[in-house]
N, C-alpha and C. Protein backbone atom coordinates (compact mmCIF):
# COMPACT_ATOMS: atom_id res chain seq x y z
N MET A 1 104.81 72.40 41.89
CA MET A 1 105.11 71.70 43.12
C MET A 1 103.83 71.64 43.96
N PRO A 2 103.34 70.46 44.22
CA PRO A 2 102.02 70.34 44.86
C PRO A 2 101.96 70.79 46.32
N GLU A 3 103.00 70.60 47.09
CA GLU A 3 102.95 70.89 48.53
C GLU A 3 103.28 72.35 48.84
N LEU A 4 104.29 72.91 48.16
CA LEU A 4 104.71 74.29 48.41
C LEU A 4 105.35 74.84 47.15
N ASP A 5 105.46 76.16 47.07
CA ASP A 5 106.04 76.75 45.87
C ASP A 5 107.57 76.82 45.98
N GLY A 6 108.19 77.22 44.90
CA GLY A 6 109.65 77.27 44.84
C GLY A 6 110.26 78.26 45.82
N ILE A 7 109.56 79.33 46.10
CA ILE A 7 110.09 80.32 47.04
C ILE A 7 110.12 79.76 48.45
N GLU A 8 109.04 79.12 48.85
CA GLU A 8 109.03 78.52 50.19
C GLU A 8 110.03 77.36 50.26
N ALA A 9 110.16 76.60 49.19
CA ALA A 9 111.16 75.52 49.16
C ALA A 9 112.57 76.12 49.31
N THR A 10 112.82 77.24 48.65
CA THR A 10 114.11 77.91 48.76
C THR A 10 114.37 78.31 50.21
N ARG A 11 113.38 78.93 50.84
CA ARG A 11 113.52 79.34 52.25
C ARG A 11 113.87 78.13 53.13
N ARG A 12 113.17 77.03 52.91
CA ARG A 12 113.39 75.85 53.75
C ARG A 12 114.77 75.23 53.51
N VAL A 13 115.16 75.14 52.26
CA VAL A 13 116.48 74.58 51.95
C VAL A 13 117.57 75.43 52.59
N LEU A 14 117.46 76.74 52.43
CA LEU A 14 118.50 77.63 52.95
C LEU A 14 118.49 77.70 54.47
N SER A 15 117.31 77.56 55.08
CA SER A 15 117.28 77.57 56.55
C SER A 15 117.86 76.28 57.12
N SER A 16 117.72 75.18 56.41
CA SER A 16 118.26 73.93 56.93
C SER A 16 119.72 73.71 56.56
N LEU A 17 120.15 74.19 55.40
CA LEU A 17 121.54 73.98 54.97
C LEU A 17 122.43 75.20 55.17
N GLY A 18 121.83 76.34 55.41
CA GLY A 18 122.62 77.55 55.67
C GLY A 18 123.30 78.09 54.44
N SER A 19 124.39 78.81 54.68
CA SER A 19 125.07 79.54 53.60
C SER A 19 125.80 78.64 52.62
N ARG A 20 125.92 77.35 52.92
CA ARG A 20 126.58 76.43 51.97
C ARG A 20 125.73 76.20 50.73
N ALA A 21 124.44 76.28 50.90
CA ALA A 21 123.51 75.94 49.81
C ALA A 21 123.39 77.09 48.82
N ARG A 22 123.20 76.72 47.57
CA ARG A 22 122.93 77.68 46.50
C ARG A 22 121.68 77.19 45.78
N VAL A 23 120.76 78.09 45.51
CA VAL A 23 119.50 77.73 44.87
C VAL A 23 119.33 78.54 43.61
N ILE A 24 118.99 77.85 42.54
CA ILE A 24 118.59 78.51 41.29
C ILE A 24 117.11 78.21 41.10
N ILE A 25 116.33 79.26 41.01
CA ILE A 25 114.90 79.10 40.72
C ILE A 25 114.76 78.90 39.21
N LEU A 26 114.14 77.81 38.82
CA LEU A 26 113.87 77.52 37.41
C LEU A 26 112.35 77.45 37.28
N THR A 27 111.78 78.41 36.56
CA THR A 27 110.33 78.56 36.59
C THR A 27 109.76 79.04 35.27
N THR A 28 108.45 78.90 35.16
CA THR A 28 107.74 79.49 34.02
C THR A 28 107.17 80.85 34.39
N PHE A 29 107.20 81.20 35.69
CA PHE A 29 106.64 82.45 36.17
C PHE A 29 107.61 83.60 35.96
N ASP A 30 107.36 84.39 34.95
CA ASP A 30 108.21 85.54 34.63
C ASP A 30 107.56 86.81 35.18
N LEU A 31 107.23 86.77 36.46
CA LEU A 31 106.56 87.90 37.10
C LEU A 31 107.53 88.60 38.05
N ASP A 32 107.52 89.93 38.03
CA ASP A 32 108.42 90.69 38.88
C ASP A 32 108.30 90.32 40.35
N GLU A 33 107.07 90.17 40.83
CA GLU A 33 106.86 89.86 42.24
C GLU A 33 107.52 88.53 42.61
N TYR A 34 107.45 87.58 41.70
CA TYR A 34 108.04 86.26 41.96
C TYR A 34 109.56 86.37 42.00
N VAL A 35 110.12 87.16 41.10
CA VAL A 35 111.58 87.37 41.09
C VAL A 35 112.02 88.01 42.40
N TYR A 36 111.34 89.07 42.82
CA TYR A 36 111.72 89.77 44.05
C TYR A 36 111.64 88.85 45.25
N GLU A 37 110.56 88.09 45.33
CA GLU A 37 110.40 87.17 46.46
C GLU A 37 111.47 86.08 46.44
N ALA A 38 111.83 85.60 45.25
CA ALA A 38 112.87 84.57 45.15
C ALA A 38 114.21 85.12 45.66
N LEU A 39 114.53 86.35 45.28
CA LEU A 39 115.78 86.96 45.74
C LEU A 39 115.74 87.20 47.25
N ARG A 40 114.61 87.66 47.75
CA ARG A 40 114.48 87.88 49.19
C ARG A 40 114.59 86.56 49.95
N ALA A 41 114.13 85.48 49.35
CA ALA A 41 114.20 84.17 50.00
C ALA A 41 115.63 83.62 50.00
N GLY A 42 116.50 84.25 49.19
CA GLY A 42 117.91 83.84 49.18
C GLY A 42 118.37 83.11 47.94
N ALA A 43 117.55 83.06 46.91
CA ALA A 43 117.97 82.39 45.68
C ALA A 43 119.20 83.08 45.09
N SER A 44 120.11 82.29 44.57
CA SER A 44 121.31 82.82 43.94
C SER A 44 121.14 82.99 42.44
N GLY A 45 120.06 82.44 41.91
CA GLY A 45 119.82 82.55 40.48
C GLY A 45 118.34 82.44 40.19
N PHE A 46 117.96 83.00 39.04
CA PHE A 46 116.57 82.96 38.63
C PHE A 46 116.55 82.83 37.12
N LEU A 47 116.09 81.67 36.63
CA LEU A 47 116.05 81.41 35.20
C LEU A 47 114.67 80.91 34.81
N LEU A 48 114.36 81.11 33.55
CA LEU A 48 113.09 80.62 33.02
C LEU A 48 113.29 79.22 32.45
N LYS A 49 112.23 78.44 32.43
CA LYS A 49 112.34 77.04 31.99
C LYS A 49 112.70 76.90 30.52
N ASP A 50 112.57 77.98 29.74
CA ASP A 50 112.98 77.88 28.34
C ASP A 50 114.47 78.19 28.15
N THR A 51 115.23 78.30 29.24
CA THR A 51 116.67 78.51 29.17
C THR A 51 117.31 77.31 28.47
N PRO A 52 118.15 77.56 27.46
CA PRO A 52 118.83 76.45 26.77
C PRO A 52 119.70 75.64 27.74
N PRO A 53 119.81 74.34 27.52
CA PRO A 53 120.57 73.47 28.44
C PRO A 53 122.00 73.96 28.71
N GLU A 54 122.69 74.43 27.68
CA GLU A 54 124.07 74.88 27.90
C GLU A 54 124.13 76.10 28.82
N GLN A 55 123.12 76.97 28.74
CA GLN A 55 123.08 78.13 29.65
C GLN A 55 122.73 77.69 31.07
N LEU A 56 121.91 76.69 31.20
CA LEU A 56 121.57 76.16 32.52
C LEU A 56 122.81 75.55 33.18
N ILE A 57 123.58 74.80 32.42
CA ILE A 57 124.82 74.21 32.95
C ILE A 57 125.78 75.32 33.36
N SER A 58 125.91 76.33 32.52
CA SER A 58 126.77 77.47 32.85
C SER A 58 126.28 78.17 34.12
N ALA A 59 124.98 78.30 34.26
CA ALA A 59 124.40 78.94 35.45
C ALA A 59 124.73 78.15 36.71
N ILE A 60 124.66 76.84 36.62
CA ILE A 60 124.98 75.98 37.77
C ILE A 60 126.43 76.20 38.18
N HIS A 61 127.33 76.25 37.20
CA HIS A 61 128.75 76.50 37.50
C HIS A 61 128.93 77.88 38.12
N THR A 62 128.25 78.86 37.58
CA THR A 62 128.36 80.24 38.09
C THR A 62 127.94 80.30 39.55
N VAL A 63 126.79 79.74 39.86
CA VAL A 63 126.27 79.78 41.22
C VAL A 63 127.13 78.94 42.16
N THR A 64 127.62 77.82 41.68
CA THR A 64 128.48 76.96 42.49
C THR A 64 129.75 77.69 42.92
N HIS A 65 130.23 78.58 42.07
CA HIS A 65 131.45 79.34 42.37
C HIS A 65 131.16 80.59 43.20
N GLY A 66 129.94 80.74 43.69
CA GLY A 66 129.61 81.83 44.59
C GLY A 66 129.05 83.08 43.94
N ASP A 67 128.94 83.08 42.62
CA ASP A 67 128.34 84.23 41.96
C ASP A 67 126.84 84.01 41.83
N ALA A 68 126.17 84.97 41.25
CA ALA A 68 124.72 84.89 41.10
C ALA A 68 124.33 85.34 39.71
N LEU A 69 123.11 85.01 39.29
CA LEU A 69 122.68 85.42 37.96
C LEU A 69 121.17 85.48 37.87
N LEU A 70 120.73 86.25 36.89
CA LEU A 70 119.31 86.37 36.58
C LEU A 70 119.12 86.19 35.09
N ALA A 71 117.95 85.71 34.69
CA ALA A 71 117.62 85.62 33.27
C ALA A 71 117.71 87.03 32.67
N PRO A 72 118.22 87.15 31.44
CA PRO A 72 118.37 88.48 30.83
C PRO A 72 117.10 89.32 30.84
N SER A 73 115.96 88.71 30.57
CA SER A 73 114.71 89.50 30.57
C SER A 73 114.39 90.02 31.97
N VAL A 74 114.72 89.25 32.97
CA VAL A 74 114.49 89.66 34.35
C VAL A 74 115.44 90.80 34.71
N THR A 75 116.69 90.68 34.30
CA THR A 75 117.68 91.72 34.58
C THR A 75 117.24 93.05 34.00
N ARG A 76 116.76 93.03 32.78
CA ARG A 76 116.32 94.28 32.12
C ARG A 76 115.17 94.93 32.91
N ARG A 77 114.20 94.13 33.32
CA ARG A 77 113.07 94.67 34.07
C ARG A 77 113.50 95.18 35.44
N LEU A 78 114.41 94.46 36.08
CA LEU A 78 114.90 94.87 37.39
C LEU A 78 115.61 96.22 37.28
N ILE A 79 116.42 96.39 36.27
CA ILE A 79 117.10 97.67 36.05
C ILE A 79 116.08 98.77 35.77
N ASP A 80 115.10 98.48 34.93
CA ASP A 80 114.06 99.47 34.63
C ASP A 80 113.31 99.88 35.89
N GLU A 81 113.01 98.92 36.74
CA GLU A 81 112.30 99.21 37.99
C GLU A 81 113.13 100.13 38.88
N PHE A 82 114.40 99.83 39.03
CA PHE A 82 115.26 100.67 39.86
C PHE A 82 115.43 102.06 39.25
N ALA A 83 115.42 102.14 37.94
CA ALA A 83 115.57 103.44 37.27
C ALA A 83 114.38 104.34 37.56
N ARG A 84 113.23 103.78 37.82
CA ARG A 84 112.03 104.57 38.10
C ARG A 84 111.97 105.06 39.54
N ARG A 85 112.82 104.53 40.38
CA ARG A 85 112.78 104.92 41.80
C ARG A 85 113.30 106.33 41.99
N PRO A 86 112.85 107.00 43.04
CA PRO A 86 113.33 108.36 43.29
C PRO A 86 114.82 108.38 43.62
N ALA A 87 115.41 109.54 43.42
CA ALA A 87 116.85 109.70 43.70
C ALA A 87 117.12 109.39 45.17
N PRO A 88 118.31 108.88 45.44
CA PRO A 88 118.63 108.52 46.82
C PRO A 88 118.78 109.77 47.70
N HIS A 89 118.60 109.56 48.97
CA HIS A 89 118.83 110.64 49.92
C HIS A 89 120.33 110.81 50.13
N SER A 90 120.71 111.93 50.64
CA SER A 90 122.14 112.15 50.86
C SER A 90 122.59 111.41 52.11
N GLY A 91 123.86 111.12 52.17
CA GLY A 91 124.42 110.41 53.31
C GLY A 91 124.38 108.91 53.11
N ILE A 92 124.85 108.22 54.11
CA ILE A 92 124.93 106.76 54.05
C ILE A 92 123.57 106.19 54.46
N PRO A 93 123.01 105.31 53.62
CA PRO A 93 121.75 104.68 54.00
C PRO A 93 121.94 103.93 55.33
N PRO A 94 120.97 103.99 56.22
CA PRO A 94 121.11 103.39 57.55
C PRO A 94 121.51 101.92 57.54
N GLN A 95 120.96 101.15 56.59
CA GLN A 95 121.27 99.72 56.57
C GLN A 95 122.71 99.44 56.15
N LEU A 96 123.42 100.46 55.65
CA LEU A 96 124.81 100.27 55.23
C LEU A 96 125.79 100.96 56.18
N SER A 97 125.32 101.45 57.30
CA SER A 97 126.15 102.26 58.18
C SER A 97 127.32 101.50 58.80
N ASP A 98 127.27 100.18 58.84
CA ASP A 98 128.37 99.40 59.40
C ASP A 98 129.53 99.21 58.42
N LEU A 99 129.33 99.57 57.16
CA LEU A 99 130.38 99.38 56.16
C LEU A 99 131.42 100.50 56.24
N THR A 100 132.67 100.13 55.97
CA THR A 100 133.74 101.13 55.90
C THR A 100 133.62 101.87 54.57
N PRO A 101 134.28 103.01 54.43
CA PRO A 101 134.25 103.71 53.14
C PRO A 101 134.74 102.83 51.98
N ARG A 102 135.76 102.02 52.21
CA ARG A 102 136.28 101.14 51.16
C ARG A 102 135.25 100.08 50.80
N GLU A 103 134.56 99.53 51.80
CA GLU A 103 133.53 98.53 51.52
C GLU A 103 132.38 99.16 50.74
N MET A 104 132.02 100.40 51.07
CA MET A 104 130.98 101.10 50.31
C MET A 104 131.40 101.25 48.86
N GLU A 105 132.65 101.61 48.65
CA GLU A 105 133.17 101.78 47.29
C GLU A 105 133.11 100.46 46.53
N ILE A 106 133.50 99.39 47.18
CA ILE A 106 133.49 98.06 46.54
C ILE A 106 132.05 97.62 46.29
N LEU A 107 131.14 97.88 47.22
CA LEU A 107 129.73 97.52 47.02
C LEU A 107 129.18 98.24 45.80
N ARG A 108 129.53 99.50 45.61
CA ARG A 108 129.07 100.25 44.43
C ARG A 108 129.57 99.58 43.15
N LEU A 109 130.81 99.16 43.15
CA LEU A 109 131.40 98.53 41.95
C LEU A 109 130.79 97.15 41.71
N VAL A 110 130.55 96.40 42.77
CA VAL A 110 129.89 95.10 42.63
C VAL A 110 128.50 95.30 42.03
N ALA A 111 127.78 96.31 42.54
CA ALA A 111 126.43 96.59 42.05
C ALA A 111 126.43 97.04 40.59
N ARG A 112 127.53 97.56 40.12
CA ARG A 112 127.66 97.96 38.71
C ARG A 112 128.03 96.77 37.82
N GLY A 113 128.24 95.59 38.45
CA GLY A 113 128.49 94.39 37.67
C GLY A 113 129.95 94.06 37.46
N LEU A 114 130.86 94.76 38.14
CA LEU A 114 132.27 94.47 37.96
C LEU A 114 132.66 93.20 38.70
N ALA A 115 133.51 92.41 38.09
CA ALA A 115 134.04 91.20 38.71
C ALA A 115 135.16 91.60 39.67
N ASN A 116 135.54 90.68 40.55
CA ASN A 116 136.60 90.97 41.52
C ASN A 116 137.88 91.44 40.85
N ALA A 117 138.26 90.80 39.75
CA ALA A 117 139.49 91.18 39.06
C ALA A 117 139.39 92.61 38.52
N GLU A 118 138.22 92.98 38.00
CA GLU A 118 138.03 94.33 37.47
C GLU A 118 138.08 95.37 38.59
N ILE A 119 137.48 95.03 39.72
CA ILE A 119 137.51 95.94 40.87
C ILE A 119 138.94 96.10 41.35
N ALA A 120 139.67 94.99 41.46
CA ALA A 120 141.06 95.04 41.91
C ALA A 120 141.89 95.93 41.00
N SER A 121 141.70 95.79 39.71
CA SER A 121 142.44 96.60 38.75
C SER A 121 142.10 98.08 38.90
N GLN A 122 140.83 98.39 39.03
CA GLN A 122 140.39 99.78 39.14
C GLN A 122 140.88 100.43 40.43
N LEU A 123 140.90 99.67 41.53
CA LEU A 123 141.30 100.23 42.82
C LEU A 123 142.78 100.02 43.14
N VAL A 124 143.47 99.34 42.24
CA VAL A 124 144.90 99.05 42.38
C VAL A 124 145.16 98.32 43.71
N VAL A 125 144.45 97.23 43.88
CA VAL A 125 144.64 96.32 45.01
C VAL A 125 144.63 94.90 44.46
N SER A 126 144.95 93.93 45.30
CA SER A 126 144.94 92.55 44.83
C SER A 126 143.51 92.02 44.78
N GLU A 127 143.32 91.00 43.97
CA GLU A 127 142.00 90.37 43.88
C GLU A 127 141.62 89.74 45.22
N ALA A 128 142.61 89.23 45.95
CA ALA A 128 142.35 88.65 47.27
C ALA A 128 141.81 89.72 48.23
N THR A 129 142.32 90.94 48.13
CA THR A 129 141.83 92.03 48.97
C THR A 129 140.38 92.33 48.65
N VAL A 130 140.04 92.34 47.38
CA VAL A 130 138.65 92.59 46.98
C VAL A 130 137.76 91.48 47.53
N LYS A 131 138.18 90.22 47.39
CA LYS A 131 137.39 89.09 47.90
C LYS A 131 137.16 89.22 49.40
N THR A 132 138.19 89.66 50.13
CA THR A 132 138.05 89.86 51.57
C THR A 132 137.02 90.93 51.87
N HIS A 133 137.06 92.04 51.13
CA HIS A 133 136.09 93.11 51.33
C HIS A 133 134.67 92.64 50.98
N VAL A 134 134.53 91.90 49.88
CA VAL A 134 133.20 91.41 49.49
C VAL A 134 132.66 90.48 50.58
N SER A 135 133.49 89.59 51.09
CA SER A 135 133.06 88.69 52.17
C SER A 135 132.63 89.48 53.40
N SER A 136 133.38 90.53 53.73
CA SER A 136 133.04 91.36 54.87
C SER A 136 131.71 92.08 54.66
N ILE A 137 131.49 92.58 53.45
CA ILE A 137 130.23 93.25 53.11
C ILE A 137 129.06 92.27 53.30
N LEU A 138 129.20 91.08 52.75
CA LEU A 138 128.12 90.08 52.86
C LEU A 138 127.85 89.74 54.32
N MET A 139 128.91 89.57 55.10
CA MET A 139 128.76 89.22 56.51
C MET A 139 128.08 90.36 57.28
N LYS A 140 128.58 91.59 57.11
CA LYS A 140 128.03 92.72 57.85
C LYS A 140 126.56 92.98 57.51
N LEU A 141 126.19 92.74 56.26
CA LEU A 141 124.81 93.01 55.84
C LEU A 141 123.91 91.79 55.96
N GLY A 142 124.48 90.66 56.37
CA GLY A 142 123.69 89.44 56.51
C GLY A 142 123.17 88.91 55.19
N LEU A 143 124.01 89.02 54.15
CA LEU A 143 123.62 88.59 52.81
C LEU A 143 124.31 87.29 52.44
N ARG A 144 123.70 86.56 51.50
CA ARG A 144 124.26 85.28 51.09
C ARG A 144 125.24 85.39 49.95
N ASP A 145 124.98 86.31 49.01
CA ASP A 145 125.82 86.36 47.81
C ASP A 145 125.75 87.73 47.16
N ARG A 146 126.47 87.84 46.05
CA ARG A 146 126.60 89.13 45.36
C ARG A 146 125.26 89.66 44.83
N VAL A 147 124.38 88.79 44.40
CA VAL A 147 123.11 89.28 43.85
C VAL A 147 122.31 89.96 44.94
N GLN A 148 122.33 89.44 46.16
CA GLN A 148 121.65 90.10 47.26
C GLN A 148 122.33 91.44 47.59
N ALA A 149 123.64 91.49 47.45
CA ALA A 149 124.36 92.75 47.67
C ALA A 149 123.95 93.80 46.64
N VAL A 150 123.80 93.37 45.40
CA VAL A 150 123.37 94.29 44.34
C VAL A 150 121.97 94.82 44.63
N VAL A 151 121.07 93.95 44.99
CA VAL A 151 119.70 94.37 45.31
C VAL A 151 119.72 95.35 46.48
N THR A 152 120.50 95.06 47.50
CA THR A 152 120.60 95.95 48.66
C THR A 152 121.14 97.31 48.25
N ALA A 153 122.16 97.34 47.39
CA ALA A 153 122.74 98.61 46.95
C ALA A 153 121.70 99.46 46.22
N TYR A 154 120.90 98.83 45.38
CA TYR A 154 119.87 99.58 44.67
C TYR A 154 118.72 99.97 45.59
N GLU A 155 118.25 99.03 46.40
CA GLU A 155 117.11 99.31 47.27
C GLU A 155 117.43 100.39 48.30
N SER A 156 118.68 100.44 48.74
CA SER A 156 119.06 101.44 49.74
C SER A 156 119.30 102.81 49.12
N GLY A 157 119.36 102.86 47.78
CA GLY A 157 119.63 104.12 47.11
C GLY A 157 121.11 104.44 47.04
N LEU A 158 121.96 103.49 47.39
CA LEU A 158 123.40 103.71 47.33
C LEU A 158 123.83 104.05 45.91
N ILE A 159 123.23 103.38 44.95
CA ILE A 159 123.51 103.66 43.54
C ILE A 159 122.22 103.76 42.77
N GLN A 160 122.30 104.38 41.61
CA GLN A 160 121.17 104.52 40.71
C GLN A 160 121.57 103.95 39.36
N PRO A 161 120.66 103.31 38.65
CA PRO A 161 120.98 102.76 37.33
C PRO A 161 121.45 103.87 36.40
N GLY A 162 122.41 103.52 35.57
CA GLY A 162 122.89 104.45 34.53
C GLY A 162 124.02 105.34 34.97
N THR A 163 124.39 105.33 36.24
CA THR A 163 125.49 106.16 36.70
C THR A 163 126.79 105.36 36.53
N PRO A 164 127.79 105.93 35.88
CA PRO A 164 129.06 105.21 35.72
C PRO A 164 129.68 104.85 37.06
N PRO A 165 130.39 103.71 37.16
CA PRO A 165 130.96 103.24 38.41
C PRO A 165 131.91 104.24 39.07
N THR A 166 132.62 105.03 38.30
CA THR A 166 133.61 105.92 38.87
C THR A 166 133.04 107.22 39.38
N SER A 167 131.77 107.49 39.12
CA SER A 167 131.20 108.78 39.49
C SER A 167 130.63 108.82 40.90
N GLN A 168 130.61 107.68 41.58
CA GLN A 168 130.02 107.69 42.92
C GLN A 168 131.03 107.52 43.98
């Protein structure tokens, strides 16, 4: 892109269209820094240009329905990076202090990759209740989508890679 890069374009699109917009970064840059900046800018997806067409179409549907996704190679590196981070401090991370205990529990499960239906089943609540809690979490934390919630959960130390969902 001659005038600006995809990250700045993402920022501009999202600042002008707000939370209605969904952006998938499609790039040849498979660099961790670029992935992190894209997520911070609000991208709902990050794929490499060698993604097969059928996976790209699936990704568009996924993001359109409010979910988020990352290229598998990016996901593996992101998990590895979080695994190298020091253990979390005890107590509730300050940036999550506005969440209720139930919202914290749901955020942990979302960060573990569980879908709303799986969370509802595990907590013995309706899927609509889970959706309400997820919406509240996103609103309270000023996040756009689930992928940003996952990043926040890891960055805050709320969860650590490799810990089973039921142990926290």
